[in-house]
């Protein structure tokens, strides 16, 4: 069984250090950054994968984002077992 979930990714310029902050508002603590916008997106993919894998490993529920504030243009596939 495959379950699909979508999470909005927010990327904001970081004025102090330059670069960009990237975070998933529906996933507390799932954030990263990059020197460039593209690096922030790539790092966000890795952060999301690690975050969801850690939840699964610890037996914690994987959050569902109720409403997406805007369209999503980034797709990431993370394979985790589904508890039935």
PDB file of N, CA and C in Angstrom:
ATOM      1  N   UNK A   1       0.833  -1.184   0.000  1.00  0.00           N
ATOM      2  CA  UNK A   1       0.000   0.000   0.000  1.00  0.00           C
ATOM      3  C   UNK A   1       0.877   1.246   0.000  1.00  0.00           C
ATOM      4  N   UNK A   2       0.576   2.188  -0.877  1.00  0.00           N
ATOM      5  CA  UNK A   2       1.324   3.438  -0.968  1.00  0.00           C
ATOM      6  C   UNK A   2       0.419   4.576  -0.516  1.00  0.00           C
ATOM      7  N   UNK A   3       0.922   5.384   0.350  1.00  0.00           N
ATOM      8  CA  UNK A   3       0.182   6.534   0.838  1.00  0.00           C
ATOM      9  C   UNK A   3       0.905   7.799   0.385  1.00  0.00           C
ATOM     10  N   UNK A   4       0.177   8.732  -0.175  1.00  0.00           N
ATOM     11  CA  UNK A   4       0.760   9.971  -0.662  1.00  0.00           C
ATOM     12  C   UNK A   4       0.391  11.117   0.274  1.00  0.00           C
ATOM     13  N   UNK A   5       1.382  11.872   0.648  1.00  0.00           N
ATOM     14  CA  UNK A   5       1.161  13.067   1.471  1.00  0.00           C
ATOM     15  C   UNK A   5       1.890  14.220   0.815  1.00  0.00           C
ATOM     16  N   UNK A   6       1.351  15.392   0.985  1.00  0.00           N
ATOM     17  CA  UNK A   6       1.946  16.595   0.417  1.00  0.00           C
ATOM     18  C   UNK A   6       2.182  17.597   1.537  1.00  0.00           C
ATOM     19  N   UNK A   7       3.354  18.188   1.529  1.00  0.00           N
ATOM     20  CA  UNK A   7       3.701  19.195   2.522  1.00  0.00           C
ATOM     21  C   UNK A   7       4.185  20.456   1.813  1.00  0.00           C
ATOM     22  N   UNK A   8       3.738  21.597   2.277  1.00  0.00           N
ATOM     23  CA  UNK A   8       4.216  22.845   1.691  1.00  0.00           C
ATOM     24  C   UNK A   8       5.602  23.159   2.252  1.00  0.00           C
ATOM     25  N   UNK A   9       6.445  23.670   1.379  1.00  0.00           N
ATOM     26  CA  UNK A   9       7.805  24.054   1.720  1.00  0.00           C
ATOM     27  C   UNK A   9       7.900  25.570   1.612  1.00  0.00           C
ATOM     28  N   UNK A  10       8.403  26.208   2.665  1.00  0.00           N
ATOM     29  CA  UNK A  10       8.590  27.650   2.651  1.00  0.00           C
ATOM     30  C   UNK A  10      10.086  27.934   2.599  1.00  0.00           C
ATOM     31  N   UNK A  11      10.474  28.814   1.695  1.00  0.00           N
ATOM     32  CA  UNK A  11      11.877  29.210   1.578  1.00  0.00           C
ATOM     33  C   UNK A  11      11.937  30.731   1.667  1.00  0.00           C
ATOM     34  N   UNK A  12      12.766  31.206   2.591  1.00  0.00           N
ATOM     35  CA  UNK A  12      12.882  32.643   2.822  1.00  0.00           C
ATOM     36  C   UNK A  12      14.352  33.059   2.814  1.00  0.00           C
ATOM     37  N   UNK A  13      14.648  34.234   2.290  1.00  0.00           N
ATOM     38  CA  UNK A  13      16.033  34.737   2.359  1.00  0.00           C
ATOM     39  C   UNK A  13      16.440  34.929   3.818  1.00  0.00           C
ATOM     40  N   UNK A  14      17.679  34.595   4.127  1.00  0.00           N
ATOM     41  CA  UNK A  14      18.209  34.792   5.478  1.00  0.00           C
ATOM     42  C   UNK A  14      19.131  35.998   5.427  1.00  0.00           C
ATOM     43  N   UNK A  15      18.676  37.108   5.972  1.00  0.00           N
ATOM     44  CA  UNK A  15      19.375  38.380   5.817  1.00  0.00           C
ATOM     45  C   UNK A  15      20.732  38.422   6.512  1.00  0.00           C
ATOM     46  N   UNK A  16      20.853  37.806   7.682  1.00  0.00           N
ATOM     47  CA  UNK A  16      22.108  37.874   8.436  1.00  0.00           C
ATOM     48  C   UNK A  16      23.241  37.108   7.757  1.00  0.00           C
ATOM     49  N   UNK A  17      22.972  35.882   7.345  1.00  0.00           N
ATOM     50  CA  UNK A  17      24.012  35.025   6.791  1.00  0.00           C
ATOM     51  C   UNK A  17      23.996  34.973   5.273  1.00  0.00           C
ATOM     52  N   UNK A  18      23.046  35.662   4.635  1.00  0.00           N
ATOM     53  CA  UNK A  18      22.851  35.443   3.212  1.00  0.00           C
ATOM     54  C   UNK A  18      22.206  34.069   3.099  1.00  0.00           C
ATOM     55  N   UNK A  19      22.081  33.542   1.962  1.00  0.00           N
ATOM     56  CA  UNK A  19      21.489  32.220   1.822  1.00  0.00           C
ATOM     57  C   UNK A  19      19.996  32.219   2.072  1.00  0.00           C
ATOM     58  N   UNK A  20      19.449  31.012   2.238  1.00  0.00           N
ATOM     59  CA  UNK A  20      18.004  30.834   2.348  1.00  0.00           C
ATOM     60  C   UNK A  20      17.644  29.820   3.426  1.00  0.00           C
ATOM     61  N   UNK A  21      16.612  30.134   4.200  1.00  0.00           N
ATOM     62  CA  UNK A  21      16.046  29.208   5.171  1.00  0.00           C
ATOM     63  C   UNK A  21      14.947  28.419   4.471  1.00  0.00           C
ATOM     64  N   UNK A  22      14.869  27.130   4.751  1.00  0.00           N
ATOM     65  CA  UNK A  22      13.825  26.275   4.178  1.00  0.00           C
ATOM     66  C   UNK A  22      13.190  25.479   5.305  1.00  0.00           C
ATOM     67  N   UNK A  23      11.846  25.479   5.333  1.00  0.00           N
ATOM     68  CA  UNK A  23      11.168  24.726   6.385  1.00  0.00           C
ATOM     69  C   UNK A  23       9.781  24.294   5.922  1.00  0.00           C
ATOM     70  N   UNK A  24       9.276  23.262   6.585  1.00  0.00           N
ATOM     71  CA  UNK A  24       7.950  22.718   6.329  1.00  0.00           C
ATOM     72  C   UNK A  24       7.063  23.137   7.506  1.00  0.00           C
ATOM     73  N   UNK A  25       6.152  24.098   7.313  1.00  0.00           N
ATOM     74  CA  UNK A  25       5.338  24.599   8.430  1.00  0.00           C
ATOM     75  C   UNK A  25       4.545  23.517   9.169  1.00  0.00           C
ATOM     76  N   UNK A  26       4.127  22.473   8.486  1.00  0.00           N
ATOM     77  CA  UNK A  26       3.331  21.425   9.131  1.00  0.00           C
ATOM     78  C   UNK A  26       4.187  20.432   9.916  1.00  0.00           C
ATOM     79  N   UNK A  27       5.511  20.549   9.800  1.00  0.00           N
ATOM     80  CA  UNK A  27       6.410  19.594  10.450  1.00  0.00           C
ATOM     81  C   UNK A  27       7.356  20.346  11.387  1.00  0.00           C
ATOM     82  N   UNK A  28       6.956  20.544  12.643  1.00  0.00           N
ATOM     83  CA  UNK A  28       7.782  21.297  13.592  1.00  0.00           C
ATOM     84  C   UNK A  28       9.188  20.711  13.705  1.00  0.00           C
ATOM     85  N   UNK A  29      10.177  21.568  13.564  1.00  0.00           N
ATOM     86  CA  UNK A  29      11.563  21.138  13.686  1.00  0.00           C
ATOM     87  C   UNK A  29      12.178  20.651  12.390  1.00  0.00           C
ATOM     88  N   UNK A  30      11.413  20.570  11.325  1.00  0.00           N
ATOM     89  CA  UNK A  30      11.945  20.117  10.033  1.00  0.00           C
ATOM     90  C   UNK A  30      12.336  21.351   9.233  1.00  0.00           C
ATOM     91  N   UNK A  31      13.600  21.751   9.378  1.00  0.00           N
ATOM     92  CA  UNK A  31      14.079  22.940   8.691  1.00  0.00           C
ATOM     93  C   UNK A  31      15.543  22.789   8.334  1.00  0.00           C
ATOM     94  N   UNK A  32      15.995  23.592   7.412  1.00  0.00           N
ATOM     95  CA  UNK A  32      17.375  23.563   6.958  1.00  0.00           C
ATOM     96  C   UNK A  32      17.663  24.895   6.276  1.00  0.00           C
ATOM     97  N   UNK A  33      18.802  24.997   5.622  1.00  0.00           N
ATOM     98  CA  UNK A  33      19.131  26.209   4.885  1.00  0.00           C
ATOM     99  C   UNK A  33      20.108  25.867   3.767  1.00  0.00           C
ATOM    100  N   UNK A  34      20.387  26.823   2.915  1.00  0.00           N
ATOM    101  CA  UNK A  34      21.374  26.650   1.856  1.00  0.00           C
ATOM    102  C   UNK A  34      21.919  27.999   1.437  1.00  0.00           C
ATOM    103  N   UNK A  35      23.113  27.990   0.869  1.00  0.00           N
ATOM    104  CA  UNK A  35      23.720  29.233   0.398  1.00  0.00           C
ATOM    105  C   UNK A  35      22.948  29.816  -0.788  1.00  0.00           C
ATOM    106  N   UNK A  36      22.389  28.923  -1.614  1.00  0.00           N
ATOM    107  CA  UNK A  36      21.582  29.339  -2.750  1.00  0.00           C
ATOM    108  C   UNK A  36      20.170  28.781  -2.581  1.00  0.00           C
ATOM    109  N   UNK A  37      19.244  29.298  -3.372  1.00  0.00           N
ATOM    110  CA  UNK A  37      17.864  28.805  -3.339  1.00  0.00           C
ATOM    111  C   UNK A  37      17.837  27.320  -3.680  1.00  0.00           C
ATOM    112  N   UNK A  38      18.581  26.940  -4.711  1.00  0.00           N
ATOM    113  CA  UNK A  38      18.612  25.543  -5.143  1.00  0.00           C
ATOM    114  C   UNK A  38      19.187  24.631  -4.068  1.00  0.00           C
ATOM    115  N   UNK A  39      20.225  25.087  -3.386  1.00  0.00           N
ATOM    116  CA  UNK A  39      20.818  24.292  -2.302  1.00  0.00           C
ATOM    117  C   UNK A  39      19.818  24.135  -1.154  1.00  0.00           C
ATOM    118  N   UNK A  40      19.064  25.190  -0.862  1.00  0.00           N
ATOM    119  CA  UNK A  40      18.051  25.103   0.195  1.00  0.00           C
ATOM    120  C   UNK A  40      16.976  24.075  -0.163  1.00  0.00           C
ATOM    121  N   UNK A  41      16.559  24.030  -1.431  1.00  0.00           N
ATOM    122  CA  UNK A  41      15.571  23.047  -1.872  1.00  0.00           C
ATOM    123  C   UNK A  41      16.135  21.638  -1.740  1.00  0.00           C
ATOM    124  N   UNK A  42      17.363  21.423  -2.195  1.00  0.00           N
ATOM    125  CA  UNK A  42      17.983  20.100  -2.082  1.00  0.00           C
ATOM    126  C   UNK A  42      18.136  19.676  -0.625  1.00  0.00           C
ATOM    127  N   UNK A  43      18.545  20.605   0.220  1.00  0.00           N
ATOM    128  CA  UNK A  43      18.697  20.290   1.643  1.00  0.00           C
ATOM    129  C   UNK A  43      17.337  20.008   2.288  1.00  0.00           C
ATOM    130  N   UNK A  44      16.290  20.676   1.806  1.00  0.00           N
ATOM    131  CA  UNK A  44      14.943  20.431   2.328  1.00  0.00           C
ATOM    132  C   UNK A  44      14.490  19.016   2.004  1.00  0.00           C
ATOM    133  N   UNK A  45      14.848  18.523   0.821  1.00  0.00           N
ATOM    134  CA  UNK A  45      14.518  17.141   0.463  1.00  0.00           C
ATOM    135  C   UNK A  45      15.147  16.172   1.463  1.00  0.00           C
ATOM    136  N   UNK A  46      16.419  16.390   1.764  1.00  0.00           N
ATOM    137  CA  UNK A  46      17.120  15.525   2.717  1.00  0.00           C
ATOM    138  C   UNK A  46      16.529  15.658   4.119  1.00  0.00           C
ATOM    139  N   UNK A  47      16.206  16.885   4.515  1.00  0.00           N
ATOM    140  CA  UNK A  47      15.630  17.107   5.845  1.00  0.00           C
ATOM    141  C   UNK A  47      14.280  16.405   5.977  1.00  0.00           C
ATOM    142  N   UNK A  48      13.454  16.495   4.941  1.00  0.00           N
ATOM    143  CA  UNK A  48      12.141  15.851   4.969  1.00  0.00           C
ATOM    144  C   UNK A  48      12.284  14.337   5.072  1.00  0.00           C
ATOM    145  N   UNK A  49      13.170  13.776   4.281  1.00  0.00           N
ATOM    146  CA  UNK A  49      13.388  12.333   4.325  1.00  0.00           C
ATOM    147  C   UNK A  49      13.825  11.888   5.713  1.00  0.00           C
ATOM    148  N   UNK A  50      14.815  12.559   6.281  1.00  0.00           N
ATOM    149  CA  UNK A  50      15.297  12.209   7.615  1.00  0.00           C
ATOM    150  C   UNK A  50      14.238  12.393   8.683  1.00  0.00           C
ATOM    151  N   UNK A  51      13.467  13.435   8.584  1.00  0.00           N
ATOM    152  CA  UNK A  51      12.407  13.731   9.549  1.00  0.00           C
ATOM    153  C   UNK A  51      11.361  12.625   9.551  1.00  0.00           C
ATOM    154  N   UNK A  52      10.871  12.263   8.355  1.00  0.00           N
ATOM    155  CA  UNK A  52       9.840  11.225   8.268  1.00  0.00           C
ATOM    156  C   UNK A  52      10.375   9.856   8.681  1.00  0.00           C
ATOM    157  N   UNK A  53      11.611   9.552   8.321  1.00  0.00           N
ATOM    158  CA  UNK A  53      12.211   8.285   8.731  1.00  0.00           C
ATOM    159  C   UNK A  53      12.360   8.212  10.248  1.00  0.00           C
ATOM    160  N   UNK A  54      12.739   9.332  10.882  1.00  0.00           N
ATOM    161  CA  UNK A  54      12.888   9.357  12.346  1.00  0.00           C
ATOM    162  C   UNK A  54      11.537   9.161  13.029  1.00  0.00           C
ATOM    163  N   UNK A  55      10.486   9.798  12.509  1.00  0.00           N
ATOM    164  CA  UNK A  55       9.156   9.595  13.085  1.00  0.00           C
ATOM    165  C   UNK A  55       8.769   8.123  13.010  1.00  0.00           C
ATOM    166  N   UNK A  56       8.975   7.543  11.840  1.00  0.00           N
ATOM    167  CA  UNK A  56       8.615   6.134  11.634  1.00  0.00           C
ATOM    168  C   UNK A  56       9.407   5.235  12.578  1.00  0.00           C
ATOM    169  N   UNK A  57      10.707   5.465  12.675  1.00  0.00           N
ATOM    170  CA  UNK A  57      11.570   4.645  13.532  1.00  0.00           C
ATOM    171  C   UNK A  57      11.141   4.732  14.997  1.00  0.00           C
ATOM    172  N   UNK A  58      10.681   5.899  15.430  1.00  0.00           N
ATOM    173  CA  UNK A  58      10.274   6.106  16.818  1.00  0.00           C
ATOM    174  C   UNK A  58       8.814   5.766  17.074  1.00  0.00           C
ATOM    175  N   UNK A  59       8.127   5.277  16.040  1.00  0.00           N
ATOM    176  CA  UNK A  59       6.734   4.887  16.194  1.00  0.00           C
ATOM    177  C   UNK A  59       5.778   6.056  16.354  1.00  0.00           C
ATOM    178  N   UNK A  60       6.199   7.228  15.936  1.00  0.00           N
ATOM    179  CA  UNK A  60       5.360   8.417  16.047  1.00  0.00           C
ATOM    180  C   UNK A  60       4.518   8.585  14.788  1.00  0.00           C
ATOM    181  N   UNK A  61       3.340   9.189  14.921  1.00  0.00           N
ATOM    182  CA  UNK A  61       2.502   9.385  13.735  1.00  0.00           C
ATOM    183  C   UNK A  61       3.122  10.406  12.784  1.00  0.00           C
ATOM    184  N   UNK A  62       2.906  10.193  11.511  1.00  0.00           N
ATOM    185  CA  UNK A  62       3.376  11.136  10.501  1.00  0.00           C
ATOM    186  C   UNK A  62       2.268  12.171  10.285  1.00  0.00           C
ATOM    187  N   UNK A  63       2.571  13.448  10.511  1.00  0.00           N
ATOM    188  CA  UNK A  63       1.551  14.489  10.399  1.00  0.00           C
ATOM    189  C   UNK A  63       0.970  14.596   8.991  1.00  0.00           C
ATOM    190  N   UNK A  64      -0.259  15.076   8.947  1.00  0.00           N
ATOM    191  CA  UNK A  64      -0.934  15.354   7.687  1.00  0.00           C
ATOM    192  C   UNK A  64      -1.187  16.848   7.638  1.00  0.00           C
ATOM    193  N   UNK A  65      -0.841  17.463   6.521  1.00  0.00           N
ATOM    194  CA  UNK A  65      -1.104  18.892   6.358  1.00  0.00           C
ATOM    195  C   UNK A  65      -2.514  19.040   5.806  1.00  0.00           C
ATOM    196  N   UNK A  66      -3.375  19.718   6.561  1.00  0.00           N
ATOM    197  CA  UNK A  66      -4.774  19.827   6.187  1.00  0.00           C
ATOM    198  C   UNK A  66      -4.998  20.615   4.914  1.00  0.00           C
ATOM    199  N   UNK A  67      -4.519  21.822   4.866  1.00  0.00           N
ATOM    200  CA  UNK A  67      -4.722  22.672   3.697  1.00  0.00           C
ATOM    201  C   UNK A  67      -3.385  23.203   3.230  1.00  0.00           C
ATOM    202  N   UNK A  68      -3.160  23.129   1.946  1.00  0.00           N
ATOM    203  CA  UNK A  68      -1.953  23.708   1.389  1.00  0.00           C
ATOM    204  C   UNK A  68      -2.240  25.166   1.036  1.00  0.00           C
ATOM    205  N   UNK A  69      -1.388  26.087   1.479  1.00  0.00           N
ATOM    206  CA  UNK A  69      -1.651  27.506   1.244  1.00  0.00           C
ATOM    207  C   UNK A  69      -1.460  27.937  -0.209  1.00  0.00           C
ATOM    208  N   UNK A  70      -0.740  27.140  -0.985  1.00  0.00           N
ATOM    209  CA  UNK A  70      -0.478  27.488  -2.385  1.00  0.00           C
ATOM    210  C   UNK A  70      -0.124  26.214  -3.131  1.00  0.00           C
ATOM    211  N   UNK A  71       0.040  26.324  -4.407  1.00  0.00           N
ATOM    212  CA  UNK A  71       0.375  25.134  -5.180  1.00  0.00           C
ATOM    213  C   UNK A  71       1.789  24.673  -4.847  1.00  0.00           C
ATOM    214  N   UNK A  72       2.043  23.394  -5.024  1.00  0.00           N
ATOM    215  CA  UNK A  72       3.330  22.798  -4.712  1.00  0.00           C
ATOM    216  C   UNK A  72       3.993  22.378  -6.014  1.00  0.00           C
ATOM    217  N   UNK A  73       5.274  22.701  -6.163  1.00  0.00           N
ATOM    218  CA  UNK A  73       5.960  22.351  -7.399  1.00  0.00           C
ATOM    219  C   UNK A  73       7.144  21.425  -7.179  1.00  0.00           C
ATOM    220  N   UNK A  74       7.312  20.933  -5.973  1.00  0.00           N
ATOM    221  CA  UNK A  74       8.419  20.042  -5.646  1.00  0.00           C
ATOM    222  C   UNK A  74       7.855  18.711  -5.192  1.00  0.00           C
ATOM    223  N   UNK A  75       8.261  17.637  -5.824  1.00  0.00           N
ATOM    224  CA  UNK A  75       7.802  16.316  -5.419  1.00  0.00           C
ATOM    225  C   UNK A  75       8.966  15.506  -4.873  1.00  0.00           C
ATOM    226  N   UNK A  76       8.772  14.909  -3.718  1.00  0.00           N
ATOM    227  CA  UNK A  76       9.782  14.072  -3.076  1.00  0.00           C
ATOM    228  C   UNK A  76       9.110  12.769  -2.685  1.00  0.00           C
ATOM    229  N   UNK A  77       9.730  11.664  -3.004  1.00  0.00           N
ATOM    230  CA  UNK A  77       9.188  10.364  -2.618  1.00  0.00           C
ATOM    231  C   UNK A  77      10.003   9.830  -1.453  1.00  0.00           C
ATOM    232  N   UNK A  78       9.329   9.557  -0.350  1.00  0.00           N
ATOM    233  CA  UNK A  78       9.953   8.959   0.822  1.00  0.00           C
ATOM    234  C   UNK A  78       9.201   7.680   1.114  1.00  0.00           C
ATOM    235  N   UNK A  79       9.866   6.558   1.109  1.00  0.00           N
ATOM    236  CA  UNK A  79       9.209   5.286   1.335  1.00  0.00           C
ATOM    237  C   UNK A  79       9.321   4.911   2.807  1.00  0.00           C
ATOM    238  N   UNK A  80       8.172   4.803   3.462  1.00  0.00           N
ATOM    239  CA  UNK A  80       8.117   4.346   4.843  1.00  0.00           C
ATOM    240  C   UNK A  80       7.002   3.328   4.944  1.00  0.00           C
ATOM    241  N   UNK A  81       7.126   2.359   5.820  1.00  0.00           N
ATOM    242  CA  UNK A  81       6.053   1.381   5.983  1.00  0.00           C
ATOM    243  C   UNK A  81       4.769   2.060   6.442  1.00  0.00           C
ATOM    244  N   UNK A  82       3.652   1.544   6.002  1.00  0.00           N
ATOM    245  CA  UNK A  82       2.359   2.074   6.391  1.00  0.00           C
ATOM    246  C   UNK A  82       1.751   1.119   7.401  1.00  0.00           C
ATOM    247  N   UNK A  83       1.359   1.652   8.551  1.00  0.00           N
ATOM    248  CA  UNK A  83       0.707   0.833   9.563  1.00  0.00           C
ATOM    249  C   UNK A  83      -0.754   0.689   9.210  1.00  0.00           C
ATOM    250  N   UNK A  84      -1.221  -0.527   9.051  1.00  0.00           N
ATOM    251  CA  UNK A  84      -2.612  -0.779   8.680  1.00  0.00           C
ATOM    252  C   UNK A  84      -3.378  -1.274   9.871  1.00  0.00           C
TER     253      UNK A  84
END
